[in-house]
Amino acid sequence: MSQRAWIWVAGVVVAALVGTAAWFGLRAGIDPAEAAPSASPSPSASPTPEPTPKPAGYSLAALPRPDIDGLLPAELPVTKLDTLKGLPGSVAEPRKARIPVWAAPDVTEAPVLALEADYYDADARWLVLEREPGWVKVLVPYGRGALPSDDPDRVNGVSGWLRGGDVVLEKERRSVVVDLSDRTVTVTHDDGSRDVLPAGVGAAETPTPRGLTQVFTVTEAVNTGMSVFLSMQSESLDGFYGTDYAATALHVGEGQGQSVSNGCIRLASGDFERLAGLDPGVPVLVRG
């Protein structure tokens, strides 16, 4: 082989060696994590379902029922509202003759009260204050949280939680607003129309209690005739007219435009007829 041929062969060998070395050099610089094929993600574990709460045991027949002259269980919350805004706009009607009431929406605790499907010749309807999944919070129809002489702030506004399956919810568009400053009663009807009626209200020493309440029943009273009784009692009198309670009601009486009553709201005879058709559960707000 000629000298020129040997030089050409040697050049080819050197080029091949340099290329091989460069290839290995590049491989050495690669991050092993990048070079390795990515592993398939491991399947996530199936979520573990939350355990079903175990309801507390109780005897429905043994639960206390509210009395107009009795005190309600101390565990029940007291709701203080001074507006109709934000209410769900509904009432709850019972599906059964008697249903349990809880102090909180929690079946792991036993109920503390039972409400019945009718009282004082009226079908039960309770104003709904709040709604949670599976629960509704309502105003208790009658009874007091405390005597005025003991704790006037706990007399009115007692509420409780009912299971959603125990009641039927109905829309309620009617309302009554008692304005103690203007001494008027504003009745809002189903169709949105309103009647503004002059009224007599509680005197300074026996004021009409303020806050949100509801129609309890419309019935005949011994001393006032046909009356719209509220789920509200006096916050200054433990009893009235020889009874152990001091119910607040709207009824016919004198003194429109004045602060003259023992806490009730007095209307003229013709004006009272505009309220006589109200059902239990209609919200009533006393303000001013």
Protein backbone atom coordinates (compact mmCIF):
# COMPACT_ATOMS: atom_id res chain seq x y z
CA MET A 1 0.00 0.00 0.00
CA SER A 2 1.32 3.39 -0.82
CA GLN A 3 2.19 5.91 1.83
CA ARG A 4 -0.66 8.14 0.66
CA ALA A 5 -3.18 5.31 1.15
CA TRP A 6 -1.90 4.65 4.73
CA ILE A 7 -2.40 8.27 5.64
CA TRP A 8 -6.06 8.16 4.38
CA VAL A 9 -6.85 4.97 6.38
CA ALA A 10 -5.35 6.43 9.57
CA GLY A 11 -7.48 9.55 9.17
CA VAL A 12 -10.67 7.51 8.89
CA VAL A 13 -9.81 5.53 12.05
CA VAL A 14 -9.04 8.67 14.06
CA ALA A 15 -12.34 10.29 12.97
CA ALA A 16 -14.26 7.21 14.02
CA LEU A 17 -12.59 7.16 17.45
CA VAL A 18 -13.26 10.86 17.99
CA GLY A 19 -16.96 10.42 17.07
CA THR A 20 -17.35 7.48 19.44
CA ALA A 21 -15.75 9.39 22.28
CA ALA A 22 -17.98 12.39 21.69
CA TRP A 23 -21.10 10.18 21.74
CA PHE A 24 -20.12 8.63 25.08
CA GLY A 25 -19.34 12.11 26.43
CA LEU A 26 -22.81 13.33 25.60
CA ARG A 27 -24.42 10.28 27.20
CA ALA A 28 -22.45 10.88 30.38
CA GLY A 29 -23.95 14.39 30.68
CA ILE A 30 -27.59 13.23 30.61
CA ASP A 31 -29.51 13.23 33.90
CA PRO A 32 -30.39 9.61 34.69
CA ALA A 33 -33.87 10.74 35.67
CA GLU A 34 -34.35 12.30 32.25
CA ALA A 35 -32.89 9.38 30.44
CA ALA A 36 -35.03 6.76 32.18
CA PRO A 37 -38.51 6.17 30.78
CA SER A 38 -41.22 7.77 32.92
CA ALA A 39 -43.05 5.37 35.16
CA SER A 40 -46.80 5.03 34.79
CA PRO A 41 -48.64 6.82 37.65
CA SER A 42 -49.85 4.45 40.31
CA PRO A 43 -53.64 4.32 40.54
CA SER A 44 -55.06 6.46 43.37
CA ALA A 45 -56.73 4.69 46.24
CA SER A 46 -60.54 4.67 46.25
CA PRO A 47 -61.98 7.27 48.70
CA THR A 48 -63.14 5.87 51.99
CA PRO A 49 -66.80 6.77 52.58
CA GLU A 50 -67.66 8.74 55.68
CA PRO A 51 -69.26 6.52 58.32
CA THR A 52 -72.99 7.06 58.72
CA PRO A 53 -73.69 8.84 62.04
CA LYS A 54 -75.43 6.62 64.53
CA PRO A 55 -78.65 8.33 65.68
CA ALA A 56 -79.18 8.73 69.40
CA GLY A 57 -82.00 6.70 70.85
CA TYR A 58 -85.12 8.39 72.25
CA SER A 59 -88.78 7.82 73.00
CA LEU A 60 -91.02 10.16 71.00
CA ALA A 61 -93.90 9.62 73.42
CA ALA A 62 -91.71 10.63 76.36
CA LEU A 63 -90.54 13.94 74.87
CA PRO A 64 -92.04 17.06 76.48
CA ARG A 65 -94.52 19.13 74.49
CA PRO A 66 -94.80 22.92 74.67
CA ASP A 67 -97.44 24.47 76.88
CA ILE A 68 -98.58 28.07 76.64
CA ASP A 69 -97.95 28.48 80.37
CA GLY A 70 -94.83 26.31 80.50
CA LEU A 71 -91.11 26.77 79.97
CA LEU A 72 -89.34 25.28 76.98
CA PRO A 73 -86.16 23.16 77.25
CA ALA A 74 -83.15 25.34 78.01
CA GLU A 75 -81.10 23.60 75.28
CA LEU A 76 -83.20 25.11 72.50
CA PRO A 77 -81.61 28.15 70.85
CA VAL A 78 -83.11 31.63 71.10
CA THR A 79 -83.29 33.41 67.75
CA LYS A 80 -83.22 37.21 67.78
CA LEU A 81 -84.14 38.70 64.38
CA ASP A 82 -85.35 42.22 63.66
CA THR A 83 -86.01 41.85 59.94
CA LEU A 84 -87.99 39.76 57.49
CA LYS A 85 -85.16 39.92 54.96
CA GLY A 86 -83.21 36.72 54.48
CA LEU A 87 -86.00 34.42 55.61
CA PRO A 88 -86.62 31.43 53.30
CA GLY A 89 -90.23 32.59 52.78
CA SER A 90 -91.73 29.27 53.78
CA VAL A 91 -93.52 27.44 56.55
CA ALA A 92 -93.19 23.82 57.67
CA GLU A 93 -96.20 21.55 58.02
CA PRO A 94 -95.84 18.22 59.89
CA ARG A 95 -96.20 14.90 58.07
CA LYS A 96 -97.08 13.06 61.28
CA ALA A 97 -99.20 13.64 64.38
CA ARG A 98 -96.08 14.31 66.45
CA ILE A 99 -92.52 15.07 65.39
CA PRO A 100 -89.27 15.49 67.34
CA VAL A 101 -87.35 18.75 67.72
CA TRP A 102 -83.57 19.01 68.14
CA ALA A 103 -81.51 21.78 69.72
CA ALA A 104 -79.01 21.45 66.83
CA PRO A 105 -79.11 19.67 63.45
CA ASP A 106 -77.39 16.54 64.74
CA VAL A 107 -79.06 13.12 64.98
CA THR A 108 -76.27 11.81 67.20
CA GLU A 109 -77.85 13.92 69.95
CA ALA A 110 -81.33 13.12 71.25
CA PRO A 111 -84.23 15.51 70.52
CA VAL A 112 -85.48 17.62 73.42
CA LEU A 113 -89.07 18.47 72.44
CA ALA A 114 -92.00 17.19 70.37
CA LEU A 115 -94.39 19.33 68.31
CA GLU A 116 -97.90 18.22 67.44
CA ALA A 117 -99.86 18.51 64.21
CA ASP A 118 -102.64 20.67 65.65
CA TYR A 119 -103.30 22.91 68.63
CA TYR A 120 -106.16 25.17 69.69
CA ASP A 121 -108.23 23.99 66.72
CA ALA A 122 -105.55 25.02 64.22
CA ASP A 123 -103.43 22.92 61.86
CA ALA A 124 -99.78 23.32 62.71
CA ARG A 125 -97.61 25.53 60.49
CA TRP A 126 -94.25 26.84 61.73
CA LEU A 127 -92.22 29.72 60.35
CA VAL A 128 -88.97 28.48 58.79
CA LEU A 129 -85.93 30.51 59.89
CA GLU A 130 -83.10 28.56 58.26
CA ARG A 131 -82.52 25.58 56.00
CA GLU A 132 -79.63 23.12 55.97
CA PRO A 133 -79.31 19.87 54.01
CA GLY A 134 -81.84 17.52 55.61
CA TRP A 135 -82.95 20.04 58.26
CA VAL A 136 -85.11 23.12 58.84
CA LYS A 137 -85.03 25.51 61.78
CA VAL A 138 -88.44 26.80 62.91
CA LEU A 139 -89.91 29.04 65.58
CA VAL A 140 -91.52 27.03 68.38
CA PRO A 141 -95.25 27.95 68.33
CA TYR A 142 -95.80 28.72 72.00
CA GLY A 143 -94.27 28.47 75.46
CA ARG A 144 -91.48 30.63 76.87
CA GLY A 145 -87.76 30.21 77.19
CA ALA A 146 -87.82 31.90 80.60
CA LEU A 147 -90.08 33.98 82.82
CA PRO A 148 -89.76 37.75 82.38
CA SER A 149 -88.91 38.08 86.08
CA ASP A 150 -85.96 35.71 85.58
CA ASP A 151 -84.57 36.52 82.13
CA PRO A 152 -86.62 38.74 79.81
CA ASP A 153 -84.13 38.24 76.96
CA ARG A 154 -84.96 34.52 76.77
CA VAL A 155 -88.74 34.78 76.90
CA ASN A 156 -89.31 34.91 73.14
CA GLY A 157 -87.67 33.65 69.97
CA VAL A 158 -87.16 30.01 71.02
CA SER A 159 -86.51 27.88 67.94
CA GLY A 160 -85.65 24.29 67.12
CA TRP A 161 -84.45 21.99 64.33
CA LEU A 162 -86.69 19.51 62.51
CA ARG A 163 -85.67 16.76 60.11
CA GLY A 164 -86.60 17.70 56.58
CA GLY A 165 -88.36 14.38 56.03
CA ASP A 166 -90.76 15.06 58.92
CA VAL A 167 -92.29 18.15 57.33
CA VAL A 168 -93.66 19.57 54.09
CA LEU A 169 -92.48 23.05 53.14
CA GLU A 170 -95.01 25.53 51.75
CA LYS A 171 -94.34 29.02 50.41
CA GLU A 172 -95.63 31.88 52.56
CA ARG A 173 -95.77 35.37 51.04
CA ARG A 174 -97.98 37.01 53.66
CA SER A 175 -96.56 38.99 56.56
CA VAL A 176 -97.48 41.44 59.30
CA VAL A 177 -95.29 44.31 60.50
CA VAL A 178 -96.14 46.09 63.73
CA ASP A 179 -94.40 49.48 63.96
CA LEU A 180 -94.40 50.66 67.56
CA SER A 181 -93.08 54.12 66.65
CA ASP A 182 -95.77 54.82 64.07
CA ARG A 183 -98.33 52.71 65.96
CA THR A 184 -99.41 50.98 62.79
CA VAL A 185 -99.93 47.44 61.56
CA THR A 186 -99.00 46.70 57.94
CA VAL A 187 -100.52 43.55 56.50
CA THR A 188 -98.99 42.22 53.27
CA HIS A 189 -101.31 39.87 51.40
CA ASP A 190 -100.57 36.96 49.06
CA ASP A 191 -100.91 39.16 45.99
CA GLY A 192 -98.45 41.76 47.35
CA SER A 193 -101.12 44.33 48.25
CA ARG A 194 -100.87 46.02 51.65
CA ASP A 195 -103.15 47.42 54.31
CA VAL A 196 -101.73 49.96 56.76
CA LEU A 197 -103.90 50.06 59.89
CA PRO A 198 -103.71 52.37 62.95
CA ALA A 199 -103.11 50.49 66.19
CA GLY A 200 -102.83 50.86 69.93
CA VAL A 201 -99.66 49.31 71.39
CA GLY A 202 -98.13 48.52 74.77
CA ALA A 203 -97.76 51.19 77.41
CA ALA A 204 -94.32 52.23 78.67
CA GLU A 205 -94.46 49.93 81.72
CA THR A 206 -95.89 46.98 79.73
CA PRO A 207 -94.41 47.39 76.24
CA THR A 208 -95.21 45.20 73.27
CA PRO A 209 -92.18 42.91 72.88
CA ARG A 210 -90.02 43.51 69.81
CA GLY A 211 -88.61 40.99 67.36
CA LEU A 212 -89.67 38.33 64.92
CA THR A 213 -92.58 36.08 65.82
CA GLN A 214 -95.37 34.26 63.99
CA VAL A 215 -99.11 33.80 64.05
CA PHE A 216 -99.82 31.07 66.60
CA THR A 217 -103.58 30.73 66.11
CA VAL A 218 -106.71 32.78 65.48
CA THR A 219 -109.28 31.99 68.14
CA GLU A 220 -111.74 33.40 70.65
CA ALA A 221 -110.29 34.79 73.88
CA VAL A 222 -112.21 35.22 77.12
CA ASN A 223 -111.38 38.89 77.59
CA THR A 224 -110.71 40.18 74.06
CA GLY A 225 -112.98 38.18 71.78
CA MET A 226 -111.61 36.92 68.45
CA SER A 227 -107.84 37.41 68.56
CA VAL A 228 -104.76 36.70 66.46
CA PHE A 229 -102.42 35.13 69.01
CA LEU A 230 -98.67 35.37 68.39
CA SER A 231 -95.82 33.04 69.38
CA MET A 232 -94.76 35.83 71.70
CA GLN A 233 -95.47 36.74 75.29
CA SER A 234 -94.93 39.78 77.46
CA GLU A 235 -91.37 40.43 78.52
CA SER A 236 -92.53 42.38 81.56
CA LEU A 237 -95.45 40.29 82.94
CA ASP A 238 -95.17 36.71 84.18
CA GLY A 239 -98.95 36.31 84.01
CA PHE A 240 -102.07 38.22 83.08
CA TYR A 241 -105.84 38.09 83.73
CA GLY A 242 -105.49 35.32 86.29
CA THR A 243 -103.36 33.03 84.11
CA ASP A 244 -99.76 31.84 84.30
CA TYR A 245 -98.94 33.32 80.92
CA ALA A 246 -99.14 36.74 79.24
CA ALA A 247 -99.82 36.10 75.56
CA THR A 248 -99.39 38.86 73.00
CA ALA A 249 -102.19 39.14 70.45
CA LEU A 250 -103.82 41.44 67.93
CA HIS A 251 -107.46 42.07 68.77
CA VAL A 252 -110.24 44.65 68.67
CA GLY A 253 -109.90 47.41 71.25
CA GLU A 254 -109.70 51.15 71.83
CA GLY A 255 -106.69 53.43 71.75
CA GLN A 256 -105.47 53.43 68.15
CA GLY A 257 -102.44 55.67 67.79
CA GLN A 258 -101.62 55.43 71.52
CA SER A 259 -99.38 53.39 73.83
CA VAL A 260 -102.07 52.11 76.16
CA SER A 261 -102.20 48.30 76.31
CA ASN A 262 -100.61 45.58 78.43
CA GLY A 263 -98.58 44.56 75.39
CA CYS A 264 -101.26 43.51 72.90
CA ILE A 265 -101.94 45.35 69.63
CA ARG A 266 -105.40 46.89 69.44
CA LEU A 267 -107.23 47.46 66.16
CA ALA A 268 -110.56 48.95 65.17
CA SER A 269 -113.25 46.36 64.49
CA GLY A 270 -113.33 46.89 60.71
CA ASP A 271 -109.53 46.76 60.46
CA PHE A 272 -109.23 43.57 62.47
CA GLU A 273 -111.27 41.73 59.85
CA ARG A 274 -108.33 42.14 57.46
CA LEU A 275 -106.25 39.86 59.74
CA ALA A 276 -108.83 37.26 60.73
CA GLY A 277 -107.93 34.97 57.80
CA LEU A 278 -104.24 34.67 58.71
CA ASP A 279 -102.91 31.15 59.20
CA PRO A 280 -100.43 29.87 61.78
CA GLY A 281 -96.84 30.39 60.72
CA VAL A 282 -97.33 33.76 58.99
CA PRO A 283 -94.35 35.90 60.05
CA VAL A 284 -94.97 38.90 62.28
CA LEU A 285 -92.25 41.47 62.87
CA VAL A 286 -92.58 43.91 65.77
CA ARG A 287 -90.18 46.84 65.45
CA GLY A 288 -89.72 50.51 66.30
